[in-house]
Amino acid sequence: QVQLVESGGGLVQAGGSLRLSCAASGSMFRLATLGWYRQAPGKQREWVATITSNGFTNYADSVKGRFTISRDNAKNTVYLQMNSLKAEDTADYYCNFKIVRFAMDYWGKGTLVTVSS
């Protein structure tokens, strides 16, 4: 079992920045593909960004150029740096930990980001 704890959410004005963190338990962090997802009120959860165990990153078109995902394997932590925030970025943000070959797929409980316009 892997525990994921997100932090760093809050209220920010449009155009501002926030950095989300997700700390994971256990010893397999370095093998995991890590992702950030978000769910706005009344909408389905959507993928935001992914970073593989080799450090390759990918982003949803809606956040490309504004958000940066990174990882620190020594700290078992994945980050999401969010710049130039928009009102439509308002959502609960969730961290995902996945190792397909071990059938490991875990979610954090989320952290709320509210962007005021």
PDB file of N, CA and C in Angstrom:
ATOM      1  N   GLN A   1       0.845  -1.193   0.000  1.00  0.00           N
ATOM      2  CA  GLN A   1       0.000   0.000   0.000  1.00  0.00           C
ATOM      3  C   GLN A   1       0.877   1.239   0.000  1.00  0.00           C
ATOM      4  N   VAL A   2       0.515   2.195  -0.826  1.00  0.00           N
ATOM      5  CA  VAL A   2       1.240   3.468  -0.914  1.00  0.00           C
ATOM      6  C   VAL A   2       0.314   4.581  -0.479  1.00  0.00           C
ATOM      7  N   GLN A   3       0.761   5.394   0.442  1.00  0.00           N
ATOM      8  CA  GLN A   3       0.006   6.568   0.883  1.00  0.00           C
ATOM      9  C   GLN A   3       0.536   7.791   0.147  1.00  0.00           C
ATOM     10  N   LEU A   4      -0.389   8.593  -0.357  1.00  0.00           N
ATOM     11  CA  LEU A   4      -0.037   9.819  -1.066  1.00  0.00           C
ATOM     12  C   LEU A   4      -0.695  10.994  -0.366  1.00  0.00           C
ATOM     13  N   VAL A   5       0.088  12.025  -0.071  1.00  0.00           N
ATOM     14  CA  VAL A   5      -0.448  13.197   0.610  1.00  0.00           C
ATOM     15  C   VAL A   5      -0.086  14.445  -0.191  1.00  0.00           C
ATOM     16  N   GLU A   6      -1.111  15.086  -0.733  1.00  0.00           N
ATOM     17  CA  GLU A   6      -0.913  16.323  -1.479  1.00  0.00           C
ATOM     18  C   GLU A   6      -0.933  17.522  -0.535  1.00  0.00           C
ATOM     19  N   SER A   7      -0.232  18.565  -0.939  1.00  0.00           N
ATOM     20  CA  SER A   7      -0.248  19.822  -0.203  1.00  0.00           C
ATOM     21  C   SER A   7       0.073  20.954  -1.169  1.00  0.00           C
ATOM     22  N   GLY A   8      -0.148  22.181  -0.705  1.00  0.00           N
ATOM     23  CA  GLY A   8       0.215  23.346  -1.498  1.00  0.00           C
ATOM     24  C   GLY A   8      -0.933  24.061  -2.165  1.00  0.00           C
ATOM     25  N   GLY A   9      -2.120  23.506  -2.061  1.00  0.00           N
ATOM     26  CA  GLY A   9      -3.266  24.182  -2.654  1.00  0.00           C
ATOM     27  C   GLY A   9      -3.642  25.430  -1.875  1.00  0.00           C
ATOM     28  N   GLY A  10      -4.538  26.220  -2.455  1.00  0.00           N
ATOM     29  CA  GLY A  10      -4.981  27.434  -1.787  1.00  0.00           C
ATOM     30  C   GLY A  10      -5.668  28.373  -2.748  1.00  0.00           C
ATOM     31  N   LEU A  11      -5.852  29.597  -2.279  1.00  0.00           N
ATOM     32  CA  LEU A  11      -6.502  30.640  -3.066  1.00  0.00           C
ATOM     33  C   LEU A  11      -5.438  31.557  -3.656  1.00  0.00           C
ATOM     34  N   VAL A  12      -5.534  31.798  -4.954  1.00  0.00           N
ATOM     35  CA  VAL A  12      -4.571  32.660  -5.629  1.00  0.00           C
ATOM     36  C   VAL A  12      -5.300  33.479  -6.678  1.00  0.00           C
ATOM     37  N   GLN A  13      -4.794  34.649  -6.962  1.00  0.00           N
ATOM     38  CA  GLN A  13      -5.394  35.492  -7.994  1.00  0.00           C
ATOM     39  C   GLN A  13      -4.956  35.000  -9.374  1.00  0.00           C
ATOM     40  N   ALA A  14      -5.792  35.277 -10.347  1.00  0.00           N
ATOM     41  CA  ALA A  14      -5.443  34.953 -11.724  1.00  0.00           C
ATOM     42  C   ALA A  14      -4.110  35.584 -12.086  1.00  0.00           C
ATOM     43  N   GLY A  15      -3.281  34.794 -12.771  1.00  0.00           N
ATOM     44  CA  GLY A  15      -1.944  35.249 -13.117  1.00  0.00           C
ATOM     45  C   GLY A  15      -0.877  34.846 -12.115  1.00  0.00           C
ATOM     46  N   GLY A  16      -1.315  34.377 -10.963  1.00  0.00           N
ATOM     47  CA  GLY A  16      -0.391  33.982  -9.914  1.00  0.00           C
ATOM     48  C   GLY A  16       0.135  32.574 -10.082  1.00  0.00           C
ATOM     49  N   SER A  17       0.878  32.133  -9.072  1.00  0.00           N
ATOM     50  CA  SER A  17       1.530  30.820  -9.115  1.00  0.00           C
ATOM     51  C   SER A  17       1.292  30.056  -7.813  1.00  0.00           C
ATOM     52  N   LEU A  18       1.316  28.747  -7.937  1.00  0.00           N
ATOM     53  CA  LEU A  18       1.297  27.846  -6.794  1.00  0.00           C
ATOM     54  C   LEU A  18       2.173  26.658  -7.118  1.00  0.00           C
ATOM     55  N   ARG A  19       2.729  26.034  -6.078  1.00  0.00           N
ATOM     56  CA  ARG A  19       3.432  24.771  -6.274  1.00  0.00           C
ATOM     57  C   ARG A  19       2.785  23.710  -5.397  1.00  0.00           C
ATOM     58  N   LEU A  20       2.292  22.671  -6.045  1.00  0.00           N
ATOM     59  CA  LEU A  20       1.715  21.541  -5.335  1.00  0.00           C
ATOM     60  C   LEU A  20       2.794  20.494  -5.089  1.00  0.00           C
ATOM     61  N   SER A  21       2.671  19.812  -3.965  1.00  0.00           N
ATOM     62  CA  SER A  21       3.562  18.708  -3.634  1.00  0.00           C
ATOM     63  C   SER A  21       2.739  17.467  -3.331  1.00  0.00           C
ATOM     64  N   CYS A  22       3.320  16.325  -3.597  1.00  0.00           N
ATOM     65  CA  CYS A  22       2.684  15.052  -3.267  1.00  0.00           C
ATOM     66  C   CYS A  22       3.767  14.133  -2.714  1.00  0.00           C
ATOM     67  N   ALA A  23       3.661  13.819  -1.445  1.00  0.00           N
ATOM     68  CA  ALA A  23       4.634  12.951  -0.785  1.00  0.00           C
ATOM     69  C   ALA A  23       4.093  11.526  -0.727  1.00  0.00           C
ATOM     70  N   ALA A  24       4.940  10.583  -1.093  1.00  0.00           N
ATOM     71  CA  ALA A  24       4.534   9.173  -1.146  1.00  0.00           C
ATOM     72  C   ALA A  24       5.275   8.358  -0.102  1.00  0.00           C
ATOM     73  N   SER A  25       4.588   7.348   0.403  1.00  0.00           N
ATOM     74  CA  SER A  25       5.238   6.399   1.319  1.00  0.00           C
ATOM     75  C   SER A  25       5.841   5.254   0.522  1.00  0.00           C
ATOM     76  N   GLY A  26       6.661   4.463   1.193  1.00  0.00           N
ATOM     77  CA  GLY A  26       7.182   3.251   0.584  1.00  0.00           C
ATOM     78  C   GLY A  26       8.512   3.433  -0.117  1.00  0.00           C
ATOM     79  N   SER A  27       8.957   2.304  -0.678  1.00  0.00           N
ATOM     80  CA  SER A  27      10.307   2.253  -1.235  1.00  0.00           C
ATOM     81  C   SER A  27      10.341   2.137  -2.760  1.00  0.00           C
ATOM     82  N   MET A  28       9.191   2.200  -3.416  1.00  0.00           N
ATOM     83  CA  MET A  28       9.162   1.983  -4.865  1.00  0.00           C
ATOM     84  C   MET A  28       8.924   3.258  -5.657  1.00  0.00           C
ATOM     85  N   PHE A  29       9.063   4.370  -5.009  1.00  0.00           N
ATOM     86  CA  PHE A  29       8.749   5.658  -5.653  1.00  0.00           C
ATOM     87  C   PHE A  29       9.514   5.842  -6.951  1.00  0.00           C
ATOM     88  N   ARG A  30      10.794   5.478  -6.951  1.00  0.00           N
ATOM     89  CA  ARG A  30      11.633   5.743  -8.118  1.00  0.00           C
ATOM     90  C   ARG A  30      11.179   4.948  -9.355  1.00  0.00           C
ATOM     91  N   LEU A  31      10.408   3.881  -9.145  1.00  0.00           N
ATOM     92  CA  LEU A  31       9.940   3.054 -10.256  1.00  0.00           C
ATOM     93  C   LEU A  31       8.597   3.520 -10.822  1.00  0.00           C
ATOM     94  N   ALA A  32       7.966   4.453 -10.142  1.00  0.00           N
ATOM     95  CA  ALA A  32       6.587   4.807 -10.474  1.00  0.00           C
ATOM     96  C   ALA A  32       6.492   5.886 -11.543  1.00  0.00           C
ATOM     97  N   THR A  33       5.433   5.777 -12.339  1.00  0.00           N
ATOM     98  CA  THR A  33       4.977   6.907 -13.154  1.00  0.00           C
ATOM     99  C   THR A  33       4.036   7.716 -12.282  1.00  0.00           C
ATOM    100  N   LEU A  34       4.280   8.992 -12.216  1.00  0.00           N
ATOM    101  CA  LEU A  34       3.521   9.880 -11.332  1.00  0.00           C
ATOM    102  C   LEU A  34       2.718  10.863 -12.171  1.00  0.00           C
ATOM    103  N   GLY A  35       1.525  11.120 -11.722  1.00  0.00           N
ATOM    104  CA  GLY A  35       0.677  12.025 -12.476  1.00  0.00           C
ATOM    105  C   GLY A  35      -0.100  12.967 -11.589  1.00  0.00           C
ATOM    106  N   TRP A  36      -0.481  14.069 -12.178  1.00  0.00           N
ATOM    107  CA  TRP A  36      -1.419  14.998 -11.548  1.00  0.00           C
ATOM    108  C   TRP A  36      -2.691  15.034 -12.382  1.00  0.00           C
ATOM    109  N   TYR A  37      -3.809  14.989 -11.690  1.00  0.00           N
ATOM    110  CA  TYR A  37      -5.123  15.084 -12.301  1.00  0.00           C
ATOM    111  C   TYR A  37      -5.891  16.160 -11.553  1.00  0.00           C
ATOM    112  N   ARG A  38      -6.977  16.617 -12.162  1.00  0.00           N
ATOM    113  CA  ARG A  38      -7.802  17.598 -11.469  1.00  0.00           C
ATOM    114  C   ARG A  38      -9.266  17.369 -11.780  1.00  0.00           C
ATOM    115  N   GLN A  39     -10.094  17.831 -10.854  1.00  0.00           N
ATOM    116  CA  GLN A  39     -11.544  17.715 -11.030  1.00  0.00           C
ATOM    117  C   GLN A  39     -12.190  19.007 -10.581  1.00  0.00           C
ATOM    118  N   ALA A  40     -12.787  19.687 -11.540  1.00  0.00           N
ATOM    119  CA  ALA A  40     -13.505  20.922 -11.250  1.00  0.00           C
ATOM    120  C   ALA A  40     -14.930  20.583 -10.817  1.00  0.00           C
ATOM    121  N   PRO A  41     -15.581  21.495 -10.104  1.00  0.00           N
ATOM    122  CA  PRO A  41     -16.953  21.227  -9.660  1.00  0.00           C
ATOM    123  C   PRO A  41     -17.872  20.891 -10.822  1.00  0.00           C
ATOM    124  N   GLY A  42     -18.570  19.790 -10.703  1.00  0.00           N
ATOM    125  CA  GLY A  42     -19.516  19.392 -11.731  1.00  0.00           C
ATOM    126  C   GLY A  42     -18.909  18.785 -12.970  1.00  0.00           C
ATOM    127  N   LYS A  43     -17.611  18.538 -12.955  1.00  0.00           N
ATOM    128  CA  LYS A  43     -16.938  17.986 -14.133  1.00  0.00           C
ATOM    129  C   LYS A  43     -16.219  16.688 -13.780  1.00  0.00           C
ATOM    130  N   GLN A  44     -15.858  15.948 -14.815  1.00  0.00           N
ATOM    131  CA  GLN A  44     -15.114  14.714 -14.604  1.00  0.00           C
ATOM    132  C   GLN A  44     -13.645  15.019 -14.321  1.00  0.00           C
ATOM    133  N   ARG A  45     -13.020  14.070 -13.663  1.00  0.00           N
ATOM    134  CA  ARG A  45     -11.594  14.200 -13.400  1.00  0.00           C
ATOM    135  C   ARG A  45     -10.838  14.161 -14.728  1.00  0.00           C
ATOM    136  N   GLU A  46      -9.864  15.058 -14.877  1.00  0.00           N
ATOM    137  CA  GLU A  46      -9.086  15.103 -16.101  1.00  0.00           C
ATOM    138  C   GLU A  46      -7.595  15.047 -15.795  1.00  0.00           C
ATOM    139  N   TRP A  47      -6.868  14.479 -16.733  1.00  0.00           N
ATOM    140  CA  TRP A  47      -5.434  14.369 -16.612  1.00  0.00           C
ATOM    141  C   TRP A  47      -4.780  15.732 -16.848  1.00  0.00           C
ATOM    142  N   VAL A  48      -3.732  16.034 -16.061  1.00  0.00           N
ATOM    143  CA  VAL A  48      -3.013  17.299 -16.182  1.00  0.00           C
ATOM    144  C   VAL A  48      -1.592  17.082 -16.688  1.00  0.00           C
ATOM    145  N   ALA A  49      -0.850  16.191 -16.010  1.00  0.00           N
ATOM    146  CA  ALA A  49       0.560  16.010 -16.361  1.00  0.00           C
ATOM    147  C   ALA A  49       1.044  14.669 -15.828  1.00  0.00           C
ATOM    148  N   THR A  50       2.106  14.153 -16.467  1.00  0.00           N
ATOM    149  CA  THR A  50       2.714  12.898 -16.068  1.00  0.00           C
ATOM    150  C   THR A  50       4.228  13.015 -16.140  1.00  0.00           C
ATOM    151  N   ILE A  51       4.893  12.324 -15.215  1.00  0.00           N
ATOM    152  CA  ILE A  51       6.343  12.181 -15.289  1.00  0.00           C
ATOM    153  C   ILE A  51       6.679  10.712 -15.070  1.00  0.00           C
ATOM    154  N   THR A  52       7.467  10.143 -15.976  1.00  0.00           N
ATOM    155  CA  THR A  52       7.799   8.730 -15.872  1.00  0.00           C
ATOM    156  C   THR A  52       8.987   8.518 -14.933  1.00  0.00           C
ATOM    157  N   SER A  53       9.302   7.243 -14.700  1.00  0.00           N
ATOM    158  CA  SER A  53      10.439   6.923 -13.838  1.00  0.00           C
ATOM    159  C   SER A  53      11.753   7.415 -14.440  1.00  0.00           C
ATOM    160  N   ASN A  54      11.778   7.581 -15.754  1.00  0.00           N
ATOM    161  CA  ASN A  54      12.975   8.090 -16.427  1.00  0.00           C
ATOM    162  C   ASN A  54      12.990   9.611 -16.553  1.00  0.00           C
ATOM    163  N   GLY A  55      11.943  10.242 -16.051  1.00  0.00           N
ATOM    164  CA  GLY A  55      11.915  11.693 -16.069  1.00  0.00           C
ATOM    165  C   GLY A  55      11.263  12.319 -17.281  1.00  0.00           C
ATOM    166  N   PHE A  56      10.679  11.496 -18.145  1.00  0.00           N
ATOM    167  CA  PHE A  56       9.978  12.057 -19.294  1.00  0.00           C
ATOM    168  C   PHE A  56       8.648  12.646 -18.842  1.00  0.00           C
ATOM    169  N   THR A  57       8.311  13.786 -19.387  1.00  0.00           N
ATOM    170  CA  THR A  57       7.105  14.498 -18.980  1.00  0.00           C
ATOM    171  C   THR A  57       6.146  14.677 -20.142  1.00  0.00           C
ATOM    172  N   ASN A  58       4.883  14.828 -19.791  1.00  0.00           N
ATOM    173  CA  ASN A  58       3.844  15.073 -20.772  1.00  0.00           C
ATOM    174  C   ASN A  58       2.760  15.901 -20.106  1.00  0.00           C
ATOM    175  N   TYR A  59       2.117  16.758 -20.921  1.00  0.00           N
ATOM    176  CA  TYR A  59       1.150  17.701 -20.364  1.00  0.00           C
ATOM    177  C   TYR A  59      -0.111  17.760 -21.201  1.00  0.00           C
ATOM    178  N   ALA A  60      -1.204  18.031 -20.527  1.00  0.00           N
ATOM    179  CA  ALA A  60      -2.433  18.344 -21.237  1.00  0.00           C
ATOM    180  C   ALA A  60      -2.257  19.667 -21.974  1.00  0.00           C
ATOM    181  N   ASP A  61      -2.904  19.792 -23.107  1.00  0.00           N
ATOM    182  CA  ASP A  61      -2.769  21.017 -23.899  1.00  0.00           C
ATOM    183  C   ASP A  61      -3.177  22.257 -23.097  1.00  0.00           C
ATOM    184  N   SER A  62      -4.141  22.099 -22.211  1.00  0.00           N
ATOM    185  CA  SER A  62      -4.673  23.241 -21.463  1.00  0.00           C
ATOM    186  C   SER A  62      -3.665  23.838 -20.480  1.00  0.00           C
ATOM    187  N   VAL A  63      -2.631  23.072 -20.130  1.00  0.00           N
ATOM    188  CA  VAL A  63      -1.655  23.564 -19.146  1.00  0.00           C
ATOM    189  C   VAL A  63      -0.247  23.653 -19.715  1.00  0.00           C
ATOM    190  N   LYS A  64      -0.055  23.199 -20.935  1.00  0.00           N
ATOM    191  CA  LYS A  64       1.276  23.181 -21.538  1.00  0.00           C
ATOM    192  C   LYS A  64       1.843  24.592 -21.596  1.00  0.00           C
ATOM    193  N   GLY A  65       3.084  24.738 -21.150  1.00  0.00           N
ATOM    194  CA  GLY A  65       3.735  26.041 -21.130  1.00  0.00           C
ATOM    195  C   GLY A  65       3.498  26.828 -19.853  1.00  0.00           C
ATOM    196  N   ARG A  66       2.553  26.382 -19.045  1.00  0.00           N
ATOM    197  CA  ARG A  66       2.262  27.077 -17.790  1.00  0.00           C
ATOM    198  C   ARG A  66       2.591  26.233 -16.561  1.00  0.00           C
ATOM    199  N   PHE A  67       2.396  24.921 -16.673  1.00  0.00           N
ATOM    200  CA  PHE A  67       2.626  24.004 -15.546  1.00  0.00           C
ATOM    201  C   PHE A  67       3.878  23.178 -15.816  1.00  0.00           C
ATOM    202  N   THR A  68       4.578  22.832 -14.727  1.00  0.00           N
ATOM    203  CA  THR A  68       5.754  21.978 -14.825  1.00  0.00           C
ATOM    204  C   THR A  68       5.689  20.896 -13.759  1.00  0.00           C
ATOM    205  N   ILE A  69       5.790  19.646 -14.183  1.00  0.00           N
ATOM    206  CA  ILE A  69       5.823  18.525 -13.247  1.00  0.00           C
ATOM    207  C   ILE A  69       7.278  18.119 -13.045  1.00  0.00           C
ATOM    208  N   SER A  70       7.613  17.779 -11.804  1.00  0.00           N
ATOM    209  CA  SER A  70       8.973  17.335 -11.499  1.00  0.00           C
ATOM    210  C   SER A  70       8.910  16.337 -10.353  1.00  0.00           C
ATOM    211  N   ARG A  71      10.017  15.648 -10.130  1.00  0.00           N
ATOM    212  CA  ARG A  71      10.058  14.666  -9.055  1.00  0.00           C
ATOM    213  C   ARG A  71      11.403  14.704  -8.352  1.00  0.00           C
ATOM    214  N   ASP A  72      11.365  14.348  -7.076  1.00  0.00           N
ATOM    215  CA  ASP A  72      12.576  14.224  -6.276  1.00  0.00           C
ATOM    216  C   ASP A  72      12.536  12.841  -5.647  1.00  0.00           C
ATOM    217  N   ASN A  73      13.255  11.911  -6.232  1.00  0.00           N
ATOM    218  CA  ASN A  73      13.209  10.536  -5.744  1.00  0.00           C
ATOM    219  C   ASN A  73      13.800  10.397  -4.344  1.00  0.00           C
ATOM    220  N   ALA A  74      14.726  11.266  -3.999  1.00  0.00           N
ATOM    221  CA  ALA A  74      15.317  11.206  -2.659  1.00  0.00           C
ATOM    222  C   ALA A  74      14.301  11.581  -1.583  1.00  0.00           C
ATOM    223  N   LYS A  75      13.326  12.395  -1.975  1.00  0.00           N
ATOM    224  CA  LYS A  75      12.302  12.835  -1.029  1.00  0.00           C
ATOM    225  C   LYS A  75      10.961  12.138  -1.247  1.00  0.00           C
ATOM    226  N   ASN A  76      10.915  11.211  -2.201  1.00  0.00           N
ATOM    227  CA  ASN A  76       9.632  10.534  -2.511  1.00  0.00           C
ATOM    228  C   ASN A  76       8.521  11.547  -2.779  1.00  0.00           C
ATOM    229  N   THR A  77       8.837  12.591  -3.517  1.00  0.00           N
ATOM    230  CA  THR A  77       7.883  13.673  -3.721  1.00  0.00           C
ATOM    231  C   THR A  77       7.811  14.068  -5.198  1.00  0.00           C
ATOM    232  N   VAL A  78       6.599  14.316  -5.647  1.00  0.00           N
ATOM    233  CA  VAL A  78       6.363  14.858  -6.980  1.00  0.00           C
ATOM    234  C   VAL A  78       5.735  16.234  -6.819  1.00  0.00           C
ATOM    235  N   TYR A  79       6.102  17.117  -7.731  1.00  0.00           N
ATOM    236  CA  TYR A  79       5.661  18.512  -7.643  1.00  0.00           C
ATOM    237  C   TYR A  79       4.899  18.912  -8.910  1.00  0.00           C
ATOM    238  N   LEU A  80       4.073  19.921  -8.754  1.00  0.00           N
ATOM    239  CA  LEU A  80       3.438  20.549  -9.909  1.00  0.00           C
ATOM    240  C   LEU A  80       3.552  22.058  -9.707  1.00  0.00           C
ATOM    241  N   GLN A  81       4.442  22.671 -10.465  1.00  0.00           N
ATOM    242  CA  GLN A  81       4.574  24.122 -10.446  1.00  0.00           C
ATOM    243  C   GLN A  81       3.567  24.701 -11.427  1.00  0.00           C
ATOM    244  N   MET A  82       2.704  25.555 -10.925  1.00  0.00           N
ATOM    245  CA  MET A  82       1.636  26.114 -11.738  1.00  0.00           C
ATOM    246  C   MET A  82       1.821  27.625 -11.828  1.00  0.00           C
ATOM    247  N   ASN A  83       2.052  28.113 -13.016  1.00  0.00           N
ATOM    248  CA  ASN A  83       2.230  29.547 -13.256  1.00  0.00           C
ATOM    249  C   ASN A  83       1.108  30.068 -14.146  1.00  0.00           C
ATOM    250  N   SER A  84       0.984  31.378 -14.177  1.00  0.00           N
ATOM    251  CA  SER A  84      -0.026  32.032 -15.027  1.00  0.00           C
ATOM    252  C   SER A  84      -1.394  31.388 -14.842  1.00  0.00           C
ATOM    253  N   LEU A  85      -1.780  31.218 -13.608  1.00  0.00           N
ATOM    254  CA  LEU A  85      -3.032  30.520 -13.307  1.00  0.00           C
ATOM    255  C   LEU A  85      -4.233  31.292 -13.815  1.00  0.00           C
ATOM    256  N   LYS A  86      -5.228  30.511 -14.236  1.00  0.00           N
ATOM    257  CA  LYS A  86      -6.471  31.059 -14.762  1.00  0.00           C
ATOM    258  C   LYS A  86      -7.627  30.571 -13.905  1.00  0.00           C
ATOM    259  N   ALA A  87      -8.748  31.259 -14.004  1.00  0.00           N
ATOM    260  CA  ALA A  87      -9.929  30.860 -13.241  1.00  0.00           C
ATOM    261  C   ALA A  87     -10.326  29.415 -13.571  1.00  0.00           C
ATOM    262  N   GLU A  88     -10.145  29.016 -14.815  1.00  0.00           N
ATOM    263  CA  GLU A  88     -10.519  27.661 -15.217  1.00  0.00           C
ATOM    264  C   GLU A  88      -9.586  26.579 -14.690  1.00  0.00           C
ATOM    265  N   ASP A  89      -8.514  26.971 -14.010  1.00  0.00           N
ATOM    266  CA  ASP A  89      -7.650  26.001 -13.347  1.00  0.00           C
ATOM    267  C   ASP A  89      -8.181  25.619 -11.967  1.00  0.00           C
ATOM    268  N   THR A  90      -9.225  26.292 -11.527  1.00  0.00           N
ATOM    269  CA  THR A  90      -9.830  25.981 -10.229  1.00  0.00           C
ATOM    270  C   THR A  90     -10.337  24.550 -10.207  1.00  0.00           C
ATOM    271  N   ALA A  91      -9.862  23.776  -9.228  1.00  0.00           N
ATOM    272  CA  ALA A  91     -10.231  22.358  -9.148  1.00  0.00           C
ATOM    273  C   ALA A  91      -9.573  21.736  -7.922  1.00  0.00           C
ATOM    274  N   ASP A  92     -10.035  20.541  -7.602  1.00  0.00           N
ATOM    275  CA  ASP A  92      -9.288  19.675  -6.694  1.00  0.00           C
ATOM    276  C   ASP A  92      -8.212  18.979  -7.514  1.00  0.00           C
ATOM    277  N   TYR A  93      -6.987  19.015  -7.026  1.00  0.00           N
ATOM    278  CA  TYR A  93      -5.860  18.398  -7.728  1.00  0.00           C
ATOM    279  C   TYR A  93      -5.433  17.132  -6.993  1.00  0.00           C
ATOM    280  N   TYR A  94      -5.300  16.057  -7.770  1.00  0.00           N
ATOM    281  CA  TYR A  94      -4.996  14.746  -7.214  1.00  0.00           C
ATOM    282  C   TYR A  94      -3.691  14.204  -7.777  1.00  0.00           C
ATOM    283  N   CYS A  95      -2.960  13.549  -6.923  1.00  0.00           N
ATOM    284  CA  CYS A  95      -1.707  12.890  -7.295  1.00  0.00           C
ATOM    285  C   CYS A  95      -1.992  11.407  -7.560  1.00  0.00           C
ATOM    286  N   ASN A  96      -1.350  10.863  -8.579  1.00  0.00           N
ATOM    287  CA  ASN A  96      -1.476   9.443  -8.902  1.00  0.00           C
ATOM    288  C   ASN A  96      -0.111   8.798  -8.974  1.00  0.00           C
ATOM    289  N   PHE A  97      -0.036   7.592  -8.437  1.00  0.00           N
ATOM    290  CA  PHE A  97       1.188   6.777  -8.404  1.00  0.00           C
ATOM    291  C   PHE A  97       0.884   5.462  -9.100  1.00  0.00           C
ATOM    292  N   LYS A  98       1.671   5.124 -10.125  1.00  0.00           N
ATOM    293  CA  LYS A  98       1.348   3.929 -10.886  1.00  0.00           C
ATOM    294  C   LYS A  98       2.612   3.170 -11.273  1.00  0.00           C
ATOM    295  N   ILE A  99       2.566   1.855 -11.043  1.00  0.00           N
ATOM    296  CA  ILE A  99       3.574   0.936 -11.574  1.00  0.00           C
ATOM    297  C   ILE A  99       2.802  -0.201 -12.207  1.00  0.00           C
ATOM    298  N   VAL A 100       2.690  -0.173 -13.506  1.00  0.00           N
ATOM    299  CA  VAL A 100       1.792  -1.091 -14.207  1.00  0.00           C
ATOM    300  C   VAL A 100       2.204  -2.544 -13.997  1.00  0.00           C
ATOM    301  N   ARG A 101       3.502  -2.837 -14.061  1.00  0.00           N
ATOM    302  CA  ARG A 101       3.909  -4.242 -14.022  1.00  0.00           C
ATOM    303  C   ARG A 101       3.686  -4.875 -12.653  1.00  0.00           C
ATOM    304  N   PHE A 102       3.485  -4.039 -11.639  1.00  0.00           N
ATOM    305  CA  PHE A 102       3.167  -4.549 -10.309  1.00  0.00           C
ATOM    306  C   PHE A 102       1.709  -4.301  -9.936  1.00  0.00           C
ATOM    307  N   ALA A 103       0.917  -3.856 -10.898  1.00  0.00           N
ATOM    308  CA  ALA A 103      -0.503  -3.568 -10.670  1.00  0.00           C
ATOM    309  C   ALA A 103      -0.695  -2.606  -9.504  1.00  0.00           C
ATOM    310  N   MET A 104       0.171  -1.608  -9.435  1.00  0.00           N
ATOM    311  CA  MET A 104       0.060  -0.612  -8.367  1.00  0.00           C
ATOM    312  C   MET A 104      -0.534   0.661  -8.965  1.00  0.00           C
ATOM    313  N   ASP A 105      -1.597   1.135  -8.343  1.00  0.00           N
ATOM    314  CA  ASP A 105      -2.296   2.330  -8.834  1.00  0.00           C
ATOM    315  C   ASP A 105      -2.961   2.988  -7.639  1.00  0.00           C
ATOM    316  N   TYR A 106      -2.382   4.090  -7.170  1.00  0.00           N
ATOM    317  CA  TYR A 106      -2.858   4.736  -5.959  1.00  0.00           C
ATOM    318  C   TYR A 106      -3.134   6.218  -6.208  1.00  0.00           C
ATOM    319  N   TRP A 107      -4.070   6.731  -5.403  1.00  0.00           N
ATOM    320  CA  TRP A 107      -4.476   8.138  -5.499  1.00  0.00           C
ATOM    321  C   TRP A 107      -4.369   8.818  -4.142  1.00  0.00           C
ATOM    322  N   GLY A 108      -4.024  10.084  -4.171  1.00  0.00           N
ATOM    323  CA  GLY A 108      -4.112  10.901  -2.985  1.00  0.00           C
ATOM    324  C   GLY A 108      -5.529  11.413  -2.799  1.00  0.00           C
ATOM    325  N   LYS A 109      -5.743  12.150  -1.722  1.00  0.00           N
ATOM    326  CA  LYS A 109      -7.087  12.645  -1.398  1.00  0.00           C
ATOM    327  C   LYS A 109      -7.355  14.023  -1.984  1.00  0.00           C
ATOM    328  N   GLY A 110      -6.324  14.633  -2.552  1.00  0.00           N
ATOM    329  CA  GLY A 110      -6.525  15.885  -3.264  1.00  0.00           C
ATOM    330  C   GLY A 110      -6.216  17.126  -2.445  1.00  0.00           C
ATOM    331  N   THR A 111      -5.942  18.187  -3.182  1.00  0.00           N
ATOM    332  CA  THR A 111      -5.746  19.508  -2.586  1.00  0.00           C
ATOM    333  C   THR A 111      -6.455  20.522  -3.472  1.00  0.00           C
ATOM    334  N   LEU A 112      -7.156  21.452  -2.851  1.00  0.00           N
ATOM    335  CA  LEU A 112      -8.010  22.378  -3.587  1.00  0.00           C
ATOM    336  C   LEU A 112      -7.221  23.611  -4.038  1.00  0.00           C
ATOM    337  N   VAL A 113      -7.340  23.916  -5.304  1.00  0.00           N
ATOM    338  CA  VAL A 113      -6.779  25.141  -5.872  1.00  0.00           C
ATOM    339  C   VAL A 113      -7.923  26.014  -6.353  1.00  0.00           C
ATOM    340  N   THR A 114      -7.964  27.232  -5.856  1.00  0.00           N
ATOM    341  CA  THR A 114      -8.999  28.184  -6.262  1.00  0.00           C
ATOM    342  C   THR A 114      -8.328  29.420  -6.839  1.00  0.00           C
ATOM    343  N   VAL A 115      -8.665  29.737  -8.081  1.00  0.00           N
ATOM    344  CA  VAL A 115      -8.082  30.894  -8.762  1.00  0.00           C
ATOM    345  C   VAL A 115      -9.177  31.932  -8.920  1.00  0.00           C
ATOM    346  N   SER A 116      -8.977  33.082  -8.326  1.00  0.00           N
ATOM    347  CA  SER A 116      -9.967  34.154  -8.416  1.00  0.00           C
ATOM    348  C   SER A 116      -9.654  35.061  -9.598  1.00  0.00           C
ATOM    349  N   SER A 117     -10.706  35.462 -10.276  1.00  0.00           N
ATOM    350  CA  SER A 117     -10.506  36.289 -11.478  1.00  0.00           C
ATOM    351  C   SER A 117     -10.728  37.760 -11.176  1.00  0.00           C
TER     352      SER A 117
END
